[in-house]
């Protein structure tokens, strides 16, 4: 699976609550093996995390200097997706 096929991108930074939460949960359900979602948000989506945990997803959040948040979401236990997330997030050299 190529890198573009692994990532589902979702920009919710222009949406008002609760739409980012609703959209993120719906899109996460579409993830297949080896895939992850990268979501951009203008605030940290604190209510999203327990919802993801309950539904069997893992997540990693990074904040940027501009105050934006990047949330990576993948199916819990999917090691290929986890490695892809760590590479995309710059936390793993190489792949």
PDB file of N, CA and C in Angstrom:
ATOM      1  N   UNK A   1       0.870  -1.182   0.000  1.00  0.00           N
ATOM      2  CA  UNK A   1       0.000   0.000   0.000  1.00  0.00           C
ATOM      3  C   UNK A   1       0.908   1.234   0.000  1.00  0.00           C
ATOM      4  N   UNK A   2       0.676   2.132  -0.941  1.00  0.00           N
ATOM      5  CA  UNK A   2       1.505   3.332  -1.017  1.00  0.00           C
ATOM      6  C   UNK A   2       1.082   4.342   0.044  1.00  0.00           C
ATOM      7  N   UNK A   3       1.965   5.286   0.333  1.00  0.00           N
ATOM      8  CA  UNK A   3       1.692   6.288   1.370  1.00  0.00           C
ATOM      9  C   UNK A   3       0.390   7.050   1.127  1.00  0.00           C
ATOM     10  N   UNK A   4       0.113   7.509  -0.121  1.00  0.00           N
ATOM     11  CA  UNK A   4      -1.156   8.229  -0.320  1.00  0.00           C
ATOM     12  C   UNK A   4      -2.390   7.358  -0.053  1.00  0.00           C
ATOM     13  N   UNK A   5      -2.263   6.059  -0.299  1.00  0.00           N
ATOM     14  CA  UNK A   5      -3.385   5.155  -0.053  1.00  0.00           C
ATOM     15  C   UNK A   5      -3.592   4.885   1.429  1.00  0.00           C
ATOM     16  N   UNK A   6      -2.575   5.114   2.232  1.00  0.00           N
ATOM     17  CA  UNK A   6      -2.669   4.859   3.673  1.00  0.00           C
ATOM     18  C   UNK A   6      -3.393   5.982   4.412  1.00  0.00           C
ATOM     19  N   UNK A   7      -3.259   7.201   3.923  1.00  0.00           N
ATOM     20  CA  UNK A   7      -3.767   8.352   4.667  1.00  0.00           C
ATOM     21  C   UNK A   7      -5.113   8.851   4.150  1.00  0.00           C
ATOM     22  N   UNK A   8      -6.033   8.991   5.073  1.00  0.00           N
ATOM     23  CA  UNK A   8      -7.303   9.652   4.802  1.00  0.00           C
ATOM     24  C   UNK A   8      -7.184  11.014   5.481  1.00  0.00           C
ATOM     25  N   UNK A   9      -7.309  12.091   4.724  1.00  0.00           N
ATOM     26  CA  UNK A   9      -7.117  13.440   5.250  1.00  0.00           C
ATOM     27  C   UNK A   9      -8.463  14.106   5.496  1.00  0.00           C
ATOM     28  N   UNK A  10      -8.595  14.757   6.655  1.00  0.00           N
ATOM     29  CA  UNK A  10      -9.828  15.438   7.017  1.00  0.00           C
ATOM     30  C   UNK A  10      -9.489  16.776   7.673  1.00  0.00           C
ATOM     31  N   UNK A  11      -9.928  17.864   7.048  1.00  0.00           N
ATOM     32  CA  UNK A  11      -9.719  19.196   7.605  1.00  0.00           C
ATOM     33  C   UNK A  11     -11.047  19.687   8.179  1.00  0.00           C
ATOM     34  N   UNK A  12     -11.125  19.760   9.504  1.00  0.00           N
ATOM     35  CA  UNK A  12     -12.351  20.219  10.170  1.00  0.00           C
ATOM     36  C   UNK A  12     -12.136  21.572  10.838  1.00  0.00           C
ATOM     37  N   UNK A  13     -11.044  22.233  10.490  1.00  0.00           N
ATOM     38  CA  UNK A  13     -10.695  23.479  11.167  1.00  0.00           C
ATOM     39  C   UNK A  13     -11.698  24.604  10.917  1.00  0.00           C
ATOM     40  N   UNK A  14     -12.506  24.492   9.896  1.00  0.00           N
ATOM     41  CA  UNK A  14     -13.494  25.529   9.574  1.00  0.00           C
ATOM     42  C   UNK A  14     -14.896  25.201  10.105  1.00  0.00           C
ATOM     43  N   UNK A  15     -15.067  24.035  10.700  1.00  0.00           N
ATOM     44  CA  UNK A  15     -16.382  23.592  11.164  1.00  0.00           C
ATOM     45  C   UNK A  15     -16.643  23.974  12.618  1.00  0.00           C
ATOM     46  N   UNK A  16     -17.901  24.177  12.947  1.00  0.00           N
ATOM     47  CA  UNK A  16     -18.309  24.483  14.318  1.00  0.00           C
ATOM     48  C   UNK A  16     -18.729  23.196  15.023  1.00  0.00           C
ATOM     49  N   UNK A  17     -18.529  23.129  16.347  1.00  0.00           N
ATOM     50  CA  UNK A  17     -18.952  21.958  17.119  1.00  0.00           C
ATOM     51  C   UNK A  17     -20.459  21.739  16.983  1.00  0.00           C
ATOM     52  N   UNK A  18     -20.879  20.510  16.960  1.00  0.00           N
ATOM     53  CA  UNK A  18     -20.149  19.247  17.149  1.00  0.00           C
ATOM     54  C   UNK A  18     -19.704  18.606  15.837  1.00  0.00           C
ATOM     55  N   UNK A  19     -19.784  19.339  14.725  1.00  0.00           N
ATOM     56  CA  UNK A  19     -19.488  18.758  13.413  1.00  0.00           C
ATOM     57  C   UNK A  19     -18.103  18.106  13.312  1.00  0.00           C
ATOM     58  N   UNK A  20     -17.016  18.689  13.857  1.00  0.00           N
ATOM     59  CA  UNK A  20     -15.716  18.001  13.776  1.00  0.00           C
ATOM     60  C   UNK A  20     -15.743  16.618  14.434  1.00  0.00           C
ATOM     61  N   UNK A  21     -16.387  16.519  15.579  1.00  0.00           N
ATOM     62  CA  UNK A  21     -16.492  15.237  16.275  1.00  0.00           C
ATOM     63  C   UNK A  21     -17.280  14.236  15.444  1.00  0.00           C
ATOM     64  N   UNK A  22     -18.407  14.647  14.946  1.00  0.00           N
ATOM     65  CA  UNK A  22     -19.276  13.767  14.151  1.00  0.00           C
ATOM     66  C   UNK A  22     -18.541  13.295  12.897  1.00  0.00           C
ATOM     67  N   UNK A  23     -17.918  14.217  12.190  1.00  0.00           N
ATOM     68  CA  UNK A  23     -17.211  13.880  10.950  1.00  0.00           C
ATOM     69  C   UNK A  23     -16.031  12.951  11.217  1.00  0.00           C
ATOM     70  N   UNK A  24     -15.264  13.242  12.278  1.00  0.00           N
ATOM     71  CA  UNK A  24     -14.090  12.422  12.593  1.00  0.00           C
ATOM     72  C   UNK A  24     -14.492  10.988  12.911  1.00  0.00           C
ATOM     73  N   UNK A  25     -15.536  10.812  13.700  1.00  0.00           N
ATOM     74  CA  UNK A  25     -15.974   9.457  14.057  1.00  0.00           C
ATOM     75  C   UNK A  25     -16.490   8.706  12.830  1.00  0.00           C
ATOM     76  N   UNK A  26     -17.212   9.381  11.974  1.00  0.00           N
ATOM     77  CA  UNK A  26     -17.739   8.741  10.767  1.00  0.00           C
ATOM     78  C   UNK A  26     -16.603   8.338   9.831  1.00  0.00           C
ATOM     79  N   UNK A  27     -15.650   9.223   9.642  1.00  0.00           N
ATOM     80  CA  UNK A  27     -14.528   8.931   8.743  1.00  0.00           C
ATOM     81  C   UNK A  27     -13.625   7.842   9.317  1.00  0.00           C
ATOM     82  N   UNK A  28     -13.438   7.818  10.620  1.00  0.00           N
ATOM     83  CA  UNK A  28     -12.594   6.789  11.241  1.00  0.00           C
ATOM     84  C   UNK A  28     -13.155   5.394  10.971  1.00  0.00           C
ATOM     85  N   UNK A  29     -14.457   5.281  10.916  1.00  0.00           N
ATOM     86  CA  UNK A  29     -15.091   3.981  10.663  1.00  0.00           C
ATOM     87  C   UNK A  29     -14.761   3.448   9.271  1.00  0.00           C
ATOM     88  N   UNK A  30     -14.322   4.297   8.378  1.00  0.00           N
ATOM     89  CA  UNK A  30     -13.985   3.892   7.012  1.00  0.00           C
ATOM     90  C   UNK A  30     -12.575   3.328   6.886  1.00  0.00           C
ATOM     91  N   UNK A  31     -11.762   3.449   7.928  1.00  0.00           N
ATOM     92  CA  UNK A  31     -10.365   3.031   7.849  1.00  0.00           C
ATOM     93  C   UNK A  31     -10.236   1.524   7.678  1.00  0.00           C
ATOM     94  N   UNK A  32      -9.427   1.139   6.704  1.00  0.00           N
ATOM     95  CA  UNK A  32      -9.128  -0.268   6.485  1.00  0.00           C
ATOM     96  C   UNK A  32      -7.774  -0.617   7.069  1.00  0.00           C
ATOM     97  N   UNK A  33      -7.363  -1.864   6.937  1.00  0.00           N
ATOM     98  CA  UNK A  33      -6.056  -2.282   7.442  1.00  0.00           C
ATOM     99  C   UNK A  33      -4.934  -1.447   6.827  1.00  0.00           C
ATOM    100  N   UNK A  34      -4.025  -0.982   7.675  1.00  0.00           N
ATOM    101  CA  UNK A  34      -2.881  -0.210   7.232  1.00  0.00           C
ATOM    102  C   UNK A  34      -3.171   1.263   6.989  1.00  0.00           C
ATOM    103  N   UNK A  35      -4.414   1.678   7.130  1.00  0.00           N
ATOM    104  CA  UNK A  35      -4.780   3.070   6.891  1.00  0.00           C
ATOM    105  C   UNK A  35      -4.905   3.851   8.195  1.00  0.00           C
ATOM    106  N   UNK A  36      -4.728   5.159   8.068  1.00  0.00           N
ATOM    107  CA  UNK A  36      -4.921   6.063   9.197  1.00  0.00           C
ATOM    108  C   UNK A  36      -5.564   7.344   8.685  1.00  0.00           C
ATOM    109  N   UNK A  37      -6.097   8.118   9.613  1.00  0.00           N
ATOM    110  CA  UNK A  37      -6.673   9.409   9.269  1.00  0.00           C
ATOM    111  C   UNK A  37      -5.822  10.509   9.903  1.00  0.00           C
ATOM    112  N   UNK A  38      -5.568  11.549   9.123  1.00  0.00           N
ATOM    113  CA  UNK A  38      -4.892  12.736   9.638  1.00  0.00           C
ATOM    114  C   UNK A  38      -5.912  13.862   9.594  1.00  0.00           C
ATOM    115  N   UNK A  39      -6.251  14.374  10.757  1.00  0.00           N
ATOM    116  CA  UNK A  39      -7.270  15.401  10.877  1.00  0.00           C
ATOM    117  C   UNK A  39      -6.634  16.710  11.337  1.00  0.00           C
ATOM    118  N   UNK A  40      -6.989  17.797  10.673  1.00  0.00           N
ATOM    119  CA  UNK A  40      -6.546  19.130  11.090  1.00  0.00           C
ATOM    120  C   UNK A  40      -7.689  19.827  11.797  1.00  0.00           C
ATOM    121  N   UNK A  41      -7.369  20.458  12.926  1.00  0.00           N
ATOM    122  CA  UNK A  41      -8.383  21.127  13.740  1.00  0.00           C
ATOM    123  C   UNK A  41      -7.789  22.405  14.306  1.00  0.00           C
ATOM    124  N   UNK A  42      -8.628  23.392  14.549  1.00  0.00           N
ATOM    125  CA  UNK A  42      -8.131  24.665  15.101  1.00  0.00           C
ATOM    126  C   UNK A  42      -8.022  24.621  16.622  1.00  0.00           C
ATOM    127  N   UNK A  43      -8.639  23.591  17.250  1.00  0.00           N
ATOM    128  CA  UNK A  43      -8.572  23.419  18.706  1.00  0.00           C
ATOM    129  C   UNK A  43      -8.258  21.962  19.013  1.00  0.00           C
ATOM    130  N   UNK A  44      -7.804  21.705  20.222  1.00  0.00           N
ATOM    131  CA  UNK A  44      -7.591  20.307  20.596  1.00  0.00           C
ATOM    132  C   UNK A  44      -8.953  19.660  20.820  1.00  0.00           C
ATOM    133  N   UNK A  45      -9.237  18.565  20.126  1.00  0.00           N
ATOM    134  CA  UNK A  45     -10.554  17.933  20.203  1.00  0.00           C
ATOM    135  C   UNK A  45     -10.680  16.966  21.389  1.00  0.00           C
ATOM    136  N   UNK A  46     -10.703  17.517  22.583  1.00  0.00           N
ATOM    137  CA  UNK A  46     -10.700  16.708  23.809  1.00  0.00           C
ATOM    138  C   UNK A  46     -11.863  15.718  23.894  1.00  0.00           C
ATOM    139  N   UNK A  47     -13.028  16.087  23.396  1.00  0.00           N
ATOM    140  CA  UNK A  47     -14.172  15.172  23.447  1.00  0.00           C
ATOM    141  C   UNK A  47     -14.038  14.005  22.473  1.00  0.00           C
ATOM    142  N   UNK A  48     -13.183  14.165  21.484  1.00  0.00           N
ATOM    143  CA  UNK A  48     -12.984  13.103  20.502  1.00  0.00           C
ATOM    144  C   UNK A  48     -12.263  11.901  21.106  1.00  0.00           C
ATOM    145  N   UNK A  49     -11.282  12.144  21.953  1.00  0.00           N
ATOM    146  CA  UNK A  49     -10.424  11.065  22.455  1.00  0.00           C
ATOM    147  C   UNK A  49     -11.178   9.934  23.153  1.00  0.00           C
ATOM    148  N   UNK A  50     -12.054  10.212  24.125  1.00  0.00           N
ATOM    149  CA  UNK A  50     -12.756   9.091  24.766  1.00  0.00           C
ATOM    150  C   UNK A  50     -13.690   8.360  23.797  1.00  0.00           C
ATOM    151  N   UNK A  51     -14.228   9.068  22.821  1.00  0.00           N
ATOM    152  CA  UNK A  51     -15.071   8.430  21.814  1.00  0.00           C
ATOM    153  C   UNK A  51     -14.256   7.483  20.941  1.00  0.00           C
ATOM    154  N   UNK A  52     -13.056   7.885  20.584  1.00  0.00           N
ATOM    155  CA  UNK A  52     -12.180   7.007  19.809  1.00  0.00           C
ATOM    156  C   UNK A  52     -11.786   5.787  20.621  1.00  0.00           C
ATOM    157  N   UNK A  53     -11.433   6.007  21.878  1.00  0.00           N
ATOM    158  CA  UNK A  53     -11.036   4.904  22.753  1.00  0.00           C
ATOM    159  C   UNK A  53     -12.142   3.857  22.860  1.00  0.00           C
ATOM    160  N   UNK A  54     -13.364   4.308  23.036  1.00  0.00           N
ATOM    161  CA  UNK A  54     -14.510   3.386  23.158  1.00  0.00           C
ATOM    162  C   UNK A  54     -14.753   2.584  21.892  1.00  0.00           C
ATOM    163  N   UNK A  55     -14.404   3.163  20.750  1.00  0.00           N
ATOM    164  CA  UNK A  55     -14.675   2.528  19.458  1.00  0.00           C
ATOM    165  C   UNK A  55     -13.494   1.703  18.934  1.00  0.00           C
ATOM    166  N   UNK A  56     -12.427   1.600  19.712  1.00  0.00           N
ATOM    167  CA  UNK A  56     -11.313   0.753  19.312  1.00  0.00           C
ATOM    168  C   UNK A  56     -10.275   1.419  18.429  1.00  0.00           C
ATOM    169  N   UNK A  57     -10.125   2.725  18.557  1.00  0.00           N
ATOM    170  CA  UNK A  57      -9.122   3.451  17.781  1.00  0.00           C
ATOM    171  C   UNK A  57      -8.014   3.957  18.687  1.00  0.00           C
ATOM    172  N   UNK A  58      -6.833   4.087  18.099  1.00  0.00           N
ATOM    173  CA  UNK A  58      -5.703   4.738  18.763  1.00  0.00           C
ATOM    174  C   UNK A  58      -5.549   6.116  18.141  1.00  0.00           C
ATOM    175  N   UNK A  59      -4.855   7.001  18.846  1.00  0.00           N
ATOM    176  CA  UNK A  59      -4.695   8.360  18.333  1.00  0.00           C
ATOM    177  C   UNK A  59      -3.411   8.987  18.849  1.00  0.00           C
ATOM    178  N   UNK A  60      -2.926   9.944  18.082  1.00  0.00           N
ATOM    179  CA  UNK A  60      -1.736  10.718  18.422  1.00  0.00           C
ATOM    180  C   UNK A  60      -2.016  12.155  18.002  1.00  0.00           C
ATOM    181  N   UNK A  61      -1.747  13.100  18.880  1.00  0.00           N
ATOM    182  CA  UNK A  61      -2.018  14.505  18.580  1.00  0.00           C
ATOM    183  C   UNK A  61      -0.736  15.315  18.642  1.00  0.00           C
ATOM    184  N   UNK A  62      -0.564  16.179  17.656  1.00  0.00           N
ATOM    185  CA  UNK A  62       0.551  17.133  17.633  1.00  0.00           C
ATOM    186  C   UNK A  62      -0.030  18.529  17.501  1.00  0.00           C
ATOM    187  N   UNK A  63       0.578  19.473  18.187  1.00  0.00           N
ATOM    188  CA  UNK A  63       0.158  20.871  18.021  1.00  0.00           C
ATOM    189  C   UNK A  63       1.260  21.605  17.275  1.00  0.00           C
ATOM    190  N   UNK A  64       0.855  22.579  16.482  1.00  0.00           N
ATOM    191  CA  UNK A  64       1.823  23.358  15.725  1.00  0.00           C
ATOM    192  C   UNK A  64       2.000  24.725  16.373  1.00  0.00           C
ATOM    193  N   UNK A  65       3.029  25.424  15.942  1.00  0.00           N
ATOM    194  CA  UNK A  65       3.301  26.750  16.477  1.00  0.00           C
ATOM    195  C   UNK A  65       2.151  27.716  16.170  1.00  0.00           C
ATOM    196  N   UNK A  66       1.416  27.451  15.106  1.00  0.00           N
ATOM    197  CA  UNK A  66       0.306  28.312  14.720  1.00  0.00           C
ATOM    198  C   UNK A  66      -0.970  28.053  15.490  1.00  0.00           C
ATOM    199  N   UNK A  67      -0.909  27.159  16.466  1.00  0.00           N
ATOM    200  CA  UNK A  67      -2.083  26.872  17.279  1.00  0.00           C
ATOM    201  C   UNK A  67      -3.032  25.844  16.687  1.00  0.00           C
ATOM    202  N   UNK A  68      -2.658  25.229  15.602  1.00  0.00           N
ATOM    203  CA  UNK A  68      -3.478  24.186  14.993  1.00  0.00           C
ATOM    204  C   UNK A  68      -3.106  22.834  15.596  1.00  0.00           C
ATOM    205  N   UNK A  69      -4.032  21.903  15.483  1.00  0.00           N
ATOM    206  CA  UNK A  69      -3.798  20.551  15.984  1.00  0.00           C
ATOM    207  C   UNK A  69      -3.925  19.562  14.840  1.00  0.00           C
ATOM    208  N   UNK A  70      -3.042  18.596  14.859  1.00  0.00           N
ATOM    209  CA  UNK A  70      -3.037  17.520  13.879  1.00  0.00           C
ATOM    210  C   UNK A  70      -3.273  16.239  14.672  1.00  0.00           C
ATOM    211  N   UNK A  71      -4.357  15.550  14.369  1.00  0.00           N
ATOM    212  CA  UNK A  71      -4.716  14.330  15.093  1.00  0.00           C
ATOM    213  C   UNK A  71      -4.631  13.155  14.128  1.00  0.00           C
ATOM    214  N   UNK A  72      -3.855  12.163  14.499  1.00  0.00           N
ATOM    215  CA  UNK A  72      -3.724  10.943  13.716  1.00  0.00           C
ATOM    216  C   UNK A  72      -4.562   9.860  14.390  1.00  0.00           C
ATOM    217  N   UNK A  73      -5.348   9.147  13.606  1.00  0.00           N
ATOM    218  CA  UNK A  73      -6.265   8.141  14.140  1.00  0.00           C
ATOM    219  C   UNK A  73      -6.097   6.860  13.328  1.00  0.00           C
ATOM    220  N   UNK A  74      -6.030   5.712  14.022  1.00  0.00           N
ATOM    221  CA  UNK A  74      -5.929   4.425  13.346  1.00  0.00           C
ATOM    222  C   UNK A  74      -6.579   3.356  14.208  1.00  0.00           C
ATOM    223  N   UNK A  75      -6.851   2.221  13.600  1.00  0.00           N
ATOM    224  CA  UNK A  75      -7.467   1.112  14.324  1.00  0.00           C
ATOM    225  C   UNK A  75      -6.470   0.547  15.331  1.00  0.00           C
ATOM    226  N   UNK A  76      -6.908   0.403  16.561  1.00  0.00           N
ATOM    227  CA  UNK A  76      -6.066  -0.148  17.621  1.00  0.00           C
ATOM    228  C   UNK A  76      -5.580  -1.537  17.208  1.00  0.00           C
ATOM    229  N   UNK A  77      -4.294  -1.778  17.396  1.00  0.00           N
ATOM    230  CA  UNK A  77      -3.715  -3.076  17.065  1.00  0.00           C
ATOM    231  C   UNK A  77      -3.216  -3.188  15.634  1.00  0.00           C
ATOM    232  N   UNK A  78      -3.416  -2.169  14.820  1.00  0.00           N
ATOM    233  CA  UNK A  78      -2.966  -2.170  13.427  1.00  0.00           C
ATOM    234  C   UNK A  78      -1.542  -1.604  13.402  1.00  0.00           C
ATOM    235  N   UNK A  79      -0.555  -2.505  13.470  1.00  0.00           N
ATOM    236  CA  UNK A  79       0.838  -2.068  13.562  1.00  0.00           C
ATOM    237  C   UNK A  79       1.319  -1.355  12.305  1.00  0.00           C
ATOM    238  N   UNK A  80       0.844  -1.771  11.136  1.00  0.00           N
ATOM    239  CA  UNK A  80       1.249  -1.100   9.896  1.00  0.00           C
ATOM    240  C   UNK A  80       0.761   0.349   9.899  1.00  0.00           C
ATOM    241  N   UNK A  81      -0.457   0.563  10.331  1.00  0.00           N
ATOM    242  CA  UNK A  81      -1.006   1.920  10.398  1.00  0.00           C
ATOM    243  C   UNK A  81      -0.266   2.733  11.462  1.00  0.00           C
ATOM    244  N   UNK A  82       0.038   2.118  12.592  1.00  0.00           N
ATOM    245  CA  UNK A  82       0.770   2.818  13.662  1.00  0.00           C
ATOM    246  C   UNK A  82       2.135   3.274  13.168  1.00  0.00           C
ATOM    247  N   UNK A  83       2.854   2.397  12.471  1.00  0.00           N
ATOM    248  CA  UNK A  83       4.168   2.767  11.930  1.00  0.00           C
ATOM    249  C   UNK A  83       4.039   3.889  10.901  1.00  0.00           C
ATOM    250  N   UNK A  84       3.011   3.822  10.069  1.00  0.00           N
ATOM    251  CA  UNK A  84       2.784   4.874   9.066  1.00  0.00           C
ATOM    252  C   UNK A  84       2.501   6.209   9.745  1.00  0.00           C
ATOM    253  N   UNK A  85       1.731   6.177  10.841  1.00  0.00           N
ATOM    254  CA  UNK A  85       1.437   7.393  11.590  1.00  0.00           C
ATOM    255  C   UNK A  85       2.717   7.973  12.187  1.00  0.00           C
ATOM    256  N   UNK A  86       3.522   7.138  12.806  1.00  0.00           N
ATOM    257  CA  UNK A  86       4.753   7.620  13.420  1.00  0.00           C
ATOM    258  C   UNK A  86       5.693   8.211  12.389  1.00  0.00           C
ATOM    259  N   UNK A  87       5.734   7.623  11.217  1.00  0.00           N
ATOM    260  CA  UNK A  87       6.550   8.173  10.129  1.00  0.00           C
ATOM    261  C   UNK A  87       5.976   9.501   9.667  1.00  0.00           C
ATOM    262  N   UNK A  88       4.680   9.561   9.421  1.00  0.00           N
ATOM    263  CA  UNK A  88       4.021  10.791   8.963  1.00  0.00           C
ATOM    264  C   UNK A  88       4.146  11.903   9.989  1.00  0.00           C
ATOM    265  N   UNK A  89       4.109  11.548  11.255  1.00  0.00           N
ATOM    266  CA  UNK A  89       4.193  12.547  12.327  1.00  0.00           C
ATOM    267  C   UNK A  89       5.637  12.936  12.622  1.00  0.00           C
ATOM    268  N   UNK A  90       6.576  12.299  11.930  1.00  0.00           N
ATOM    269  CA  UNK A  90       7.977  12.644  12.129  1.00  0.00           C
ATOM    270  C   UNK A  90       8.577  12.078  13.391  1.00  0.00           C
ATOM    271  N   UNK A  91       7.938  11.052  13.954  1.00  0.00           N
ATOM    272  CA  UNK A  91       8.433  10.472  15.198  1.00  0.00           C
ATOM    273  C   UNK A  91       9.210   9.178  14.973  1.00  0.00           C
ATOM    274  N   UNK A  92       9.305   8.774  13.709  1.00  0.00           N
ATOM    275  CA  UNK A  92      10.009   7.546  13.382  1.00  0.00           C
ATOM    276  C   UNK A  92      10.825   7.829  12.128  1.00  0.00           C
ATOM    277  N   UNK A  93      12.120   7.636  12.200  1.00  0.00           N
ATOM    278  CA  UNK A  93      12.958   7.878  11.030  1.00  0.00           C
ATOM    279  C   UNK A  93      12.835   6.697  10.072  1.00  0.00           C
ATOM    280  N   UNK A  94      12.764   6.981   8.810  1.00  0.00           N
ATOM    281  CA  UNK A  94      12.701   5.918   7.815  1.00  0.00           C
ATOM    282  C   UNK A  94      11.296   5.442   7.600  1.00  0.00           C
ATOM    283  N   UNK A  95      10.873   4.390   8.202  1.00  0.00           N
ATOM    284  CA  UNK A  95       9.545   3.879   7.987  1.00  0.00           C
ATOM    285  C   UNK A  95       9.461   2.565   8.622  1.00  0.00           C
TER     286      UNK A  95
END
